[in-house]
């Protein structure tokens, strides 16, 4: 495990522009092998843990809503796309239009439908990739914190409560108790 993962949680960490990360206690670069005997896990740990847990719990609680919303947009995009394709086929099969009228309908109705459908599908697939990446990152961040805390025999329990969102602002209450 990288030393930085330990130092990022320690209150003794000092960032020096010339040298980089140094320890406030030893006044030098971190030199421990597995465990730091001078580590001070208080404020930085609590702040980092709160941030990670809020992100993790938010994604966990809204997972179903995020996926349903994304899949509905994908289905809508597919429906619009296929409506455009079928209207293109229908207009092509009619064949009794004059070339100017046919060209106008071929470009307007199916073209706009197909383009709109493709846009919705692209948007939904992009959003799905982003959501999966966010889940993966949040899970990895929590697991990394848990690994470091396990090395120092620190265990914790937590509750995260999300208040109702008002005007785009949502208050979050996080309670962390170290056991």
Foldseek 3Di string as FASTA:
>chain_A
DDPVLQLQQFPQWDQDPVQGIDGNVVRGRDDDDQDDPPGHHDDSVVVLVVVLVVLQVVCVVCVVVLLVVLVVLLVVLVVLQVVLVVQLVVLVVVPPDDPVVSVVCNCPRSVVSNVSSVVSNVVSVVSVVVSVVSNVVSVVSVVSSVVSCVSVPKDKDKDKDWDDDDPNDIDIDIDIDID
